[in-house]
Protein backbone atom coordinates (compact mmCIF):
# COMPACT_ATOMS: atom_id res chain seq x y z
CA MET A 1 99.31 86.66 74.42
CA THR A 2 95.74 87.62 75.14
CA ARG A 3 93.50 86.83 77.91
CA ALA A 4 91.43 84.64 75.55
CA GLN A 5 94.87 82.36 74.92
CA TRP A 6 94.92 81.67 78.71
CA ALA A 7 91.21 80.55 79.26
CA THR A 8 91.98 77.16 80.10
CA ASN A 9 95.55 78.19 82.12
CA PRO A 10 95.12 78.53 86.04
CA LEU A 11 97.37 81.09 85.69
CA GLY A 12 95.44 83.26 83.75
CA HIS A 13 92.86 83.55 85.81
CA THR A 14 91.53 84.00 89.58
CA GLY A 15 90.91 80.94 91.80
CA GLN A 16 92.73 78.61 93.53
CA TRP A 17 93.43 74.82 92.92
CA THR A 18 95.54 71.49 94.62
CA ALA A 19 98.27 70.34 91.86
CA ALA A 20 98.64 66.23 91.51
CA ASP A 21 101.62 66.56 93.91
CA GLY A 22 99.90 68.06 96.67
CA SER A 23 101.00 71.88 96.38
CA LYS A 24 98.37 74.50 96.77
CA TRP A 25 98.34 77.23 94.36
CA ARG A 26 96.07 80.41 93.96
CA THR A 27 95.79 82.98 91.00
CA GLU A 28 94.39 86.65 91.11
CA CYS A 29 94.01 88.91 88.50
CA ASP A 30 92.79 92.48 88.26
CA THR A 31 94.07 93.66 91.72
CA PRO A 32 95.77 96.41 92.73
CA ALA A 33 98.63 94.15 93.34
CA THR A 34 98.79 92.79 89.89
CA GLY A 35 97.32 95.81 87.96
CA GLY A 36 95.04 95.86 85.14
CA ASN A 37 95.47 92.88 82.45
CA GLY A 38 97.63 90.70 84.51
CA CYS A 39 97.87 87.96 87.18
CA ARG A 40 99.91 86.94 90.03
CA THR A 41 100.45 83.44 90.99
CA TYR A 42 101.25 82.47 94.91
CA ARG A 43 102.28 79.03 95.73
CA TRP A 44 101.71 77.86 99.91
CA THR A 45 105.40 76.96 100.72
CA THR A 46 107.38 76.76 103.62
CA VAL A 47 110.00 79.45 103.93
CA TYR A 48 113.01 79.95 106.29
CA ASN A 49 114.11 82.93 108.26
CA ALA A 50 117.44 83.74 109.88
CA VAL A 51 117.29 86.36 113.09
CA ARG A 52 120.58 87.40 114.31
CA SER A 53 120.68 86.35 117.62
CA GLU A 54 120.50 87.68 121.07
CA LYS A 55 122.60 85.55 122.97
CA GLY A 56 125.80 86.78 121.16
CA GLY A 57 126.50 86.01 117.60
CA GLY A 58 125.19 83.41 115.40
CA TYR A 59 121.82 83.31 113.97
CA ASP A 60 117.99 81.69 115.49
CA PHE A 61 116.13 80.02 112.63
CA THR A 62 112.43 79.84 112.12
CA GLN A 63 110.00 78.34 109.20
CA GLU A 64 106.91 79.32 108.67
CA ASN A 65 104.02 78.15 106.10
CA LYS A 66 103.13 81.26 103.32
CA TRP A 67 101.82 82.02 100.07
CA VAL A 68 104.96 83.13 97.72
CA VAL A 69 105.08 84.43 94.53
CA ASN A 70 105.37 82.36 91.73
CA ASN A 71 105.05 83.96 88.61
CA ILE A 72 103.30 87.03 86.78
CA VAL A 73 101.04 86.86 83.50
CA MET A 74 101.08 90.68 81.51
CA PHE A 75 98.14 90.13 78.69
CA LYS A 76 98.31 91.94 75.93
CA ALA A 77 96.30 95.18 75.81
CA ASN A 78 93.19 95.15 74.10
């Protein structure tokens, strides 16, 4: 699809918003991370990490909130 076809969709242009359910989103377009003619959308979410315990076996778990890639949109080249 073309960029113009995504003009009203927040996944198709740079910005940040909060959805009706309270989730936070941000989209970046045409950056070194996305490349030309592309957008990446991230969601602010809780992630969990498992690290091998230094106390002899098992794992220690932590949690943190961070931006996580949710989707990528690639536009048709002009």
